[in-house]
Amino acid sequence: MRVKYDHIINVDRLKRQLDTPGLERINGYAVLLENEWFWFPAVEPAYAFGRAGRMSVQVGSWRIVEAATEVRFDYSLGRDVHSLYLLEGGAVSRDADNDRDLIRGFAAGVDASSSHWTRRR
């Protein structure tokens, strides 16, 4: 499912993760490709996605930042409302050393039998 965020909000700190019947909030990282945000639960898959996306001729810019995704049911609207919280100052460095470490970390956590990524220590 592709999430279209109802709200994109810059914050000074991320709230704690929460999972209740009416609200789910998960901390992670968001990638901006051109003008569309994508959220990931860990920095390594977010970085690999952004880096690969930037290799496309359709993408001229990208950004990655620490973020939280939130979905809550809004009774007045009768639907889920999706929000993305972007941490001010939470940008992830894209220097050469960080690039190599994050791409290697992503590759190490890939499991061909699953769409999920698992951090390997």
N, C-alpha and C. Protein backbone atom coordinates (compact mmCIF):
# COMPACT_ATOMS: atom_id res chain seq x y z
N MET A 1 0.84 -1.18 0.00
CA MET A 1 0.00 0.00 0.00
C MET A 1 0.88 1.24 0.00
N ARG A 2 0.60 2.14 -0.86
CA ARG A 2 1.34 3.40 -0.91
C ARG A 2 0.62 4.41 -0.02
N VAL A 3 1.35 4.96 0.92
CA VAL A 3 0.77 5.92 1.86
C VAL A 3 0.90 7.33 1.29
N LYS A 4 -0.20 8.03 1.26
CA LYS A 4 -0.20 9.44 0.90
C LYS A 4 -0.39 10.18 2.23
N TYR A 5 0.63 10.90 2.66
CA TYR A 5 0.57 11.56 3.96
C TYR A 5 -0.39 12.73 3.95
N ASP A 6 -1.27 12.76 4.96
CA ASP A 6 -2.17 13.89 5.15
C ASP A 6 -1.42 15.09 5.73
N HIS A 7 -0.42 14.79 6.56
CA HIS A 7 0.35 15.84 7.23
C HIS A 7 1.83 15.46 7.22
N ILE A 8 2.68 16.45 6.93
CA ILE A 8 4.12 16.30 7.05
C ILE A 8 4.57 17.43 7.96
N ILE A 9 5.13 17.05 9.13
CA ILE A 9 5.35 17.99 10.21
C ILE A 9 6.81 17.94 10.65
N ASN A 10 7.46 19.08 10.73
CA ASN A 10 8.82 19.17 11.27
C ASN A 10 8.73 19.29 12.78
N VAL A 11 9.55 18.51 13.51
CA VAL A 11 9.52 18.52 14.97
C VAL A 11 10.94 18.61 15.53
N ASP A 12 11.03 19.09 16.78
CA ASP A 12 12.33 19.18 17.47
C ASP A 12 12.74 17.86 18.08
N ARG A 13 11.77 17.00 18.37
CA ARG A 13 12.07 15.66 18.88
C ARG A 13 10.93 14.74 18.47
N LEU A 14 11.26 13.48 18.32
CA LEU A 14 10.25 12.49 17.95
C LEU A 14 9.58 11.96 19.21
N LYS A 15 8.29 11.78 19.15
CA LYS A 15 7.57 11.17 20.27
C LYS A 15 7.90 9.69 20.32
N ARG A 16 7.61 9.07 21.45
CA ARG A 16 7.89 7.64 21.60
C ARG A 16 6.97 6.84 20.69
N GLN A 17 7.42 5.64 20.36
CA GLN A 17 6.61 4.74 19.56
C GLN A 17 5.38 4.35 20.36
N LEU A 18 4.28 4.07 19.64
CA LEU A 18 3.03 3.76 20.30
C LEU A 18 2.21 2.86 19.40
N ASP A 19 1.55 1.87 20.01
CA ASP A 19 0.69 0.97 19.25
C ASP A 19 -0.56 0.70 20.07
N THR A 20 -1.64 1.41 19.72
CA THR A 20 -2.93 1.24 20.39
C THR A 20 -3.97 0.96 19.31
N PRO A 21 -5.19 0.58 19.70
CA PRO A 21 -6.22 0.33 18.67
C PRO A 21 -6.50 1.53 17.76
N GLY A 22 -6.34 2.75 18.26
CA GLY A 22 -6.67 3.91 17.44
C GLY A 22 -5.49 4.69 16.92
N LEU A 23 -4.25 4.29 17.32
CA LEU A 23 -3.07 5.06 16.94
C LEU A 23 -1.85 4.16 16.89
N GLU A 24 -1.10 4.27 15.80
CA GLU A 24 0.17 3.56 15.69
C GLU A 24 1.22 4.57 15.25
N ARG A 25 2.32 4.64 16.01
CA ARG A 25 3.42 5.54 15.67
C ARG A 25 4.72 4.73 15.75
N ILE A 26 5.50 4.77 14.67
CA ILE A 26 6.75 4.01 14.60
C ILE A 26 7.87 4.96 14.18
N ASN A 27 8.96 4.93 14.91
CA ASN A 27 10.11 5.75 14.58
C ASN A 27 11.00 5.04 13.57
N GLY A 28 11.64 5.82 12.73
CA GLY A 28 12.51 5.26 11.71
C GLY A 28 13.15 6.38 10.90
N TYR A 29 13.10 6.23 9.58
CA TYR A 29 13.73 7.19 8.67
C TYR A 29 12.85 7.41 7.45
N ALA A 30 12.87 8.64 6.96
CA ALA A 30 12.10 8.98 5.77
C ALA A 30 13.04 9.42 4.66
N VAL A 31 12.69 9.04 3.45
CA VAL A 31 13.47 9.39 2.27
C VAL A 31 12.59 10.27 1.38
N LEU A 32 13.15 11.39 0.96
CA LEU A 32 12.47 12.26 0.02
C LEU A 32 13.13 12.08 -1.34
N LEU A 33 12.36 11.56 -2.30
CA LEU A 33 12.80 11.49 -3.69
C LEU A 33 11.98 12.52 -4.45
N GLU A 34 12.70 13.52 -4.96
CA GLU A 34 12.03 14.66 -5.60
C GLU A 34 11.04 15.29 -4.63
N ASN A 35 9.74 15.03 -4.77
CA ASN A 35 8.76 15.65 -3.87
C ASN A 35 7.87 14.63 -3.17
N GLU A 36 8.33 13.38 -3.06
CA GLU A 36 7.52 12.35 -2.41
C GLU A 36 8.32 11.66 -1.30
N TRP A 37 7.66 11.53 -0.14
CA TRP A 37 8.28 10.90 1.03
C TRP A 37 7.94 9.42 1.11
N PHE A 38 8.96 8.64 1.54
CA PHE A 38 8.82 7.20 1.78
C PHE A 38 9.42 6.93 3.16
N TRP A 39 8.76 6.11 3.97
CA TRP A 39 9.22 5.84 5.33
C TRP A 39 9.73 4.41 5.46
N PHE A 40 10.78 4.22 6.29
CA PHE A 40 11.39 2.92 6.55
C PHE A 40 11.68 2.79 8.05
N PRO A 41 11.66 1.56 8.58
CA PRO A 41 11.89 1.38 10.01
C PRO A 41 13.36 1.45 10.43
N ALA A 42 14.30 1.45 9.49
CA ALA A 42 15.72 1.50 9.82
C ALA A 42 16.47 2.33 8.77
N VAL A 43 17.62 2.84 9.16
CA VAL A 43 18.38 3.72 8.28
C VAL A 43 18.95 2.98 7.06
N GLU A 44 19.37 1.73 7.23
CA GLU A 44 20.02 1.02 6.12
C GLU A 44 19.09 0.82 4.91
N PRO A 45 17.87 0.29 5.08
CA PRO A 45 17.00 0.17 3.90
C PRO A 45 16.56 1.53 3.36
N ALA A 46 16.38 2.50 4.23
CA ALA A 46 16.01 3.84 3.77
C ALA A 46 17.11 4.41 2.89
N TYR A 47 18.33 4.26 3.34
CA TYR A 47 19.47 4.79 2.59
C TYR A 47 19.63 4.08 1.25
N ALA A 48 19.54 2.75 1.26
CA ALA A 48 19.69 2.00 0.01
C ALA A 48 18.60 2.39 -0.99
N PHE A 49 17.38 2.58 -0.50
CA PHE A 49 16.27 2.99 -1.37
C PHE A 49 16.55 4.37 -1.97
N GLY A 50 16.95 5.32 -1.13
CA GLY A 50 17.24 6.67 -1.61
C GLY A 50 18.39 6.70 -2.59
N ARG A 51 19.43 5.96 -2.26
CA ARG A 51 20.61 5.91 -3.12
C ARG A 51 20.27 5.30 -4.48
N ALA A 52 19.52 4.21 -4.48
CA ALA A 52 19.12 3.58 -5.74
C ALA A 52 18.18 4.48 -6.52
N GLY A 53 17.24 5.11 -5.82
CA GLY A 53 16.31 6.02 -6.49
C GLY A 53 17.02 7.18 -7.17
N ARG A 54 18.05 7.69 -6.53
CA ARG A 54 18.79 8.82 -7.08
C ARG A 54 19.53 8.43 -8.36
N MET A 55 19.79 7.15 -8.55
CA MET A 55 20.47 6.69 -9.76
C MET A 55 19.57 6.76 -10.99
N SER A 56 18.27 6.92 -10.79
CA SER A 56 17.33 7.04 -11.90
C SER A 56 17.43 8.44 -12.51
N VAL A 57 17.27 8.52 -13.80
CA VAL A 57 17.29 9.83 -14.45
C VAL A 57 16.09 10.68 -14.07
N GLN A 58 15.03 10.07 -13.54
CA GLN A 58 13.84 10.81 -13.14
C GLN A 58 14.01 11.51 -11.79
N VAL A 59 15.06 11.17 -11.04
CA VAL A 59 15.25 11.72 -9.70
C VAL A 59 16.49 12.60 -9.68
N GLY A 60 16.28 13.88 -9.46
CA GLY A 60 17.39 14.83 -9.43
C GLY A 60 17.88 15.15 -8.03
N SER A 61 17.07 14.83 -7.03
CA SER A 61 17.47 15.13 -5.65
C SER A 61 16.87 14.12 -4.70
N TRP A 62 17.56 13.93 -3.58
CA TRP A 62 17.04 13.06 -2.53
C TRP A 62 17.58 13.52 -1.19
N ARG A 63 16.87 13.11 -0.16
CA ARG A 63 17.20 13.50 1.21
C ARG A 63 16.75 12.38 2.13
N ILE A 64 17.47 12.14 3.21
CA ILE A 64 17.07 11.15 4.19
C ILE A 64 17.16 11.78 5.58
N VAL A 65 16.13 11.53 6.39
CA VAL A 65 16.05 12.18 7.70
C VAL A 65 15.38 11.24 8.71
N GLU A 66 15.81 11.34 9.96
CA GLU A 66 15.16 10.57 11.02
C GLU A 66 13.72 11.05 11.13
N ALA A 67 12.78 10.11 11.26
CA ALA A 67 11.36 10.47 11.18
C ALA A 67 10.49 9.43 11.88
N ALA A 68 9.24 9.79 12.07
CA ALA A 68 8.24 8.86 12.59
C ALA A 68 7.04 8.88 11.66
N THR A 69 6.46 7.71 11.45
CA THR A 69 5.22 7.62 10.69
C THR A 69 4.11 7.32 11.69
N GLU A 70 2.97 7.93 11.47
CA GLU A 70 1.85 7.76 12.40
C GLU A 70 0.56 7.58 11.62
N VAL A 71 -0.26 6.65 12.07
CA VAL A 71 -1.59 6.48 11.50
C VAL A 71 -2.57 6.45 12.66
N ARG A 72 -3.61 7.24 12.54
CA ARG A 72 -4.66 7.25 13.56
C ARG A 72 -6.00 7.31 12.86
N PHE A 73 -6.99 6.68 13.48
CA PHE A 73 -8.32 6.72 12.90
C PHE A 73 -9.00 8.01 13.32
N ASP A 74 -9.51 8.75 12.34
CA ASP A 74 -10.23 9.99 12.60
C ASP A 74 -11.71 9.72 12.41
N TYR A 75 -12.45 9.74 13.52
CA TYR A 75 -13.89 9.42 13.47
C TYR A 75 -14.68 10.45 12.68
N SER A 76 -14.28 11.72 12.73
CA SER A 76 -15.02 12.74 11.99
C SER A 76 -14.86 12.57 10.48
N LEU A 77 -13.69 12.08 10.05
CA LEU A 77 -13.46 11.83 8.62
C LEU A 77 -13.88 10.42 8.22
N GLY A 78 -13.94 9.52 9.21
CA GLY A 78 -14.29 8.14 8.94
C GLY A 78 -13.20 7.36 8.22
N ARG A 79 -11.93 7.73 8.46
CA ARG A 79 -10.81 7.07 7.80
C ARG A 79 -9.53 7.26 8.60
N ASP A 80 -8.52 6.48 8.20
CA ASP A 80 -7.20 6.65 8.79
C ASP A 80 -6.57 7.93 8.28
N VAL A 81 -5.86 8.62 9.17
CA VAL A 81 -5.10 9.82 8.83
C VAL A 81 -3.63 9.49 9.03
N HIS A 82 -2.83 9.74 8.01
CA HIS A 82 -1.40 9.41 8.04
C HIS A 82 -0.59 10.69 8.21
N SER A 83 0.34 10.66 9.16
CA SER A 83 1.23 11.81 9.40
C SER A 83 2.67 11.34 9.37
N LEU A 84 3.54 12.21 8.90
CA LEU A 84 4.97 11.96 8.89
C LEU A 84 5.62 13.07 9.68
N TYR A 85 6.38 12.70 10.72
CA TYR A 85 7.08 13.66 11.56
C TYR A 85 8.56 13.61 11.21
N LEU A 86 9.13 14.74 10.79
CA LEU A 86 10.52 14.84 10.38
C LEU A 86 11.32 15.54 11.47
N LEU A 87 12.39 14.91 11.92
CA LEU A 87 13.20 15.47 12.99
C LEU A 87 14.11 16.57 12.45
N GLU A 88 13.93 17.78 12.99
CA GLU A 88 14.82 18.90 12.63
C GLU A 88 16.24 18.52 13.02
N GLY A 89 17.18 18.68 12.13
CA GLY A 89 18.56 18.33 12.42
C GLY A 89 18.82 16.83 12.36
N GLY A 90 17.84 16.06 11.88
CA GLY A 90 17.99 14.60 11.84
C GLY A 90 18.42 14.06 10.50
N ALA A 91 19.03 14.91 9.66
CA ALA A 91 19.47 14.47 8.34
C ALA A 91 20.59 13.44 8.48
N VAL A 92 20.58 12.45 7.62
CA VAL A 92 21.61 11.41 7.60
C VAL A 92 22.69 11.82 6.61
N SER A 93 23.93 11.73 7.05
CA SER A 93 25.07 12.10 6.22
C SER A 93 25.17 11.17 5.00
N ARG A 94 25.50 11.78 3.87
CA ARG A 94 25.66 10.99 2.65
C ARG A 94 27.12 11.01 2.18
N ASP A 95 28.07 11.14 3.12
CA ASP A 95 29.48 11.15 2.73
C ASP A 95 29.91 9.73 2.32
N ALA A 96 31.09 9.62 1.72
CA ALA A 96 31.55 8.35 1.15
C ALA A 96 31.64 7.23 2.18
N ASP A 97 32.17 7.51 3.38
CA ASP A 97 32.29 6.47 4.40
C ASP A 97 30.92 5.99 4.86
N ASN A 98 30.02 6.89 5.14
CA ASN A 98 28.67 6.53 5.56
C ASN A 98 27.95 5.76 4.45
N ASP A 99 28.16 6.18 3.22
CA ASP A 99 27.55 5.51 2.07
C ASP A 99 27.94 4.03 2.04
N ARG A 100 29.21 3.74 2.12
CA ARG A 100 29.69 2.36 2.09
C ARG A 100 29.14 1.55 3.26
N ASP A 101 29.19 2.11 4.46
CA ASP A 101 28.73 1.39 5.66
C ASP A 101 27.25 1.08 5.59
N LEU A 102 26.44 2.04 5.15
CA LEU A 102 24.99 1.82 5.10
C LEU A 102 24.60 0.85 4.00
N ILE A 103 25.24 0.92 2.86
CA ILE A 103 24.93 -0.02 1.78
C ILE A 103 25.35 -1.44 2.18
N ARG A 104 26.52 -1.58 2.79
CA ARG A 104 26.95 -2.90 3.28
C ARG A 104 26.00 -3.43 4.34
N GLY A 105 25.58 -2.55 5.25
CA GLY A 105 24.63 -2.95 6.30
C GLY A 105 23.31 -3.40 5.71
N PHE A 106 22.85 -2.71 4.68
CA PHE A 106 21.62 -3.12 4.02
C PHE A 106 21.78 -4.50 3.38
N ALA A 107 22.85 -4.68 2.64
CA ALA A 107 23.08 -5.96 1.96
C ALA A 107 23.18 -7.11 2.96
N ALA A 108 23.79 -6.86 4.11
CA ALA A 108 23.94 -7.91 5.12
C ALA A 108 22.60 -8.34 5.70
N GLY A 109 21.62 -7.45 5.71
CA GLY A 109 20.33 -7.76 6.31
C GLY A 109 19.27 -8.27 5.35
N VAL A 110 19.62 -8.37 4.07
CA VAL A 110 18.65 -8.83 3.07
C VAL A 110 18.45 -10.34 3.20
N ASP A 111 17.19 -10.76 3.16
CA ASP A 111 16.84 -12.17 3.18
C ASP A 111 15.99 -12.42 1.93
N ALA A 112 16.51 -13.20 1.01
CA ALA A 112 15.83 -13.44 -0.27
C ALA A 112 14.46 -14.09 -0.11
N SER A 113 14.19 -14.71 1.01
CA SER A 113 12.90 -15.38 1.22
C SER A 113 11.85 -14.45 1.84
N SER A 114 12.21 -13.18 2.06
CA SER A 114 11.29 -12.27 2.75
C SER A 114 11.40 -10.86 2.19
N SER A 115 10.33 -10.10 2.31
CA SER A 115 10.39 -8.69 1.93
C SER A 115 10.91 -7.83 3.07
N HIS A 116 11.12 -8.44 4.24
CA HIS A 116 11.60 -7.71 5.40
C HIS A 116 13.12 -7.65 5.42
N TRP A 117 13.64 -6.67 6.11
CA TRP A 117 15.06 -6.50 6.28
C TRP A 117 15.36 -6.69 7.77
N THR A 118 16.45 -7.36 8.08
CA THR A 118 16.82 -7.61 9.47
C THR A 118 18.22 -7.10 9.74
N ARG A 119 18.36 -6.28 10.76
CA ARG A 119 19.69 -5.76 11.13
C ARG A 119 20.56 -6.92 11.61
N ARG A 120 21.76 -7.00 11.08
CA ARG A 120 22.73 -8.03 11.47
C ARG A 120 23.80 -7.34 12.33
N ARG A 121 24.11 -7.92 13.42
CA ARG A 121 25.15 -7.36 14.31
C ARG A 121 26.44 -8.10 14.15
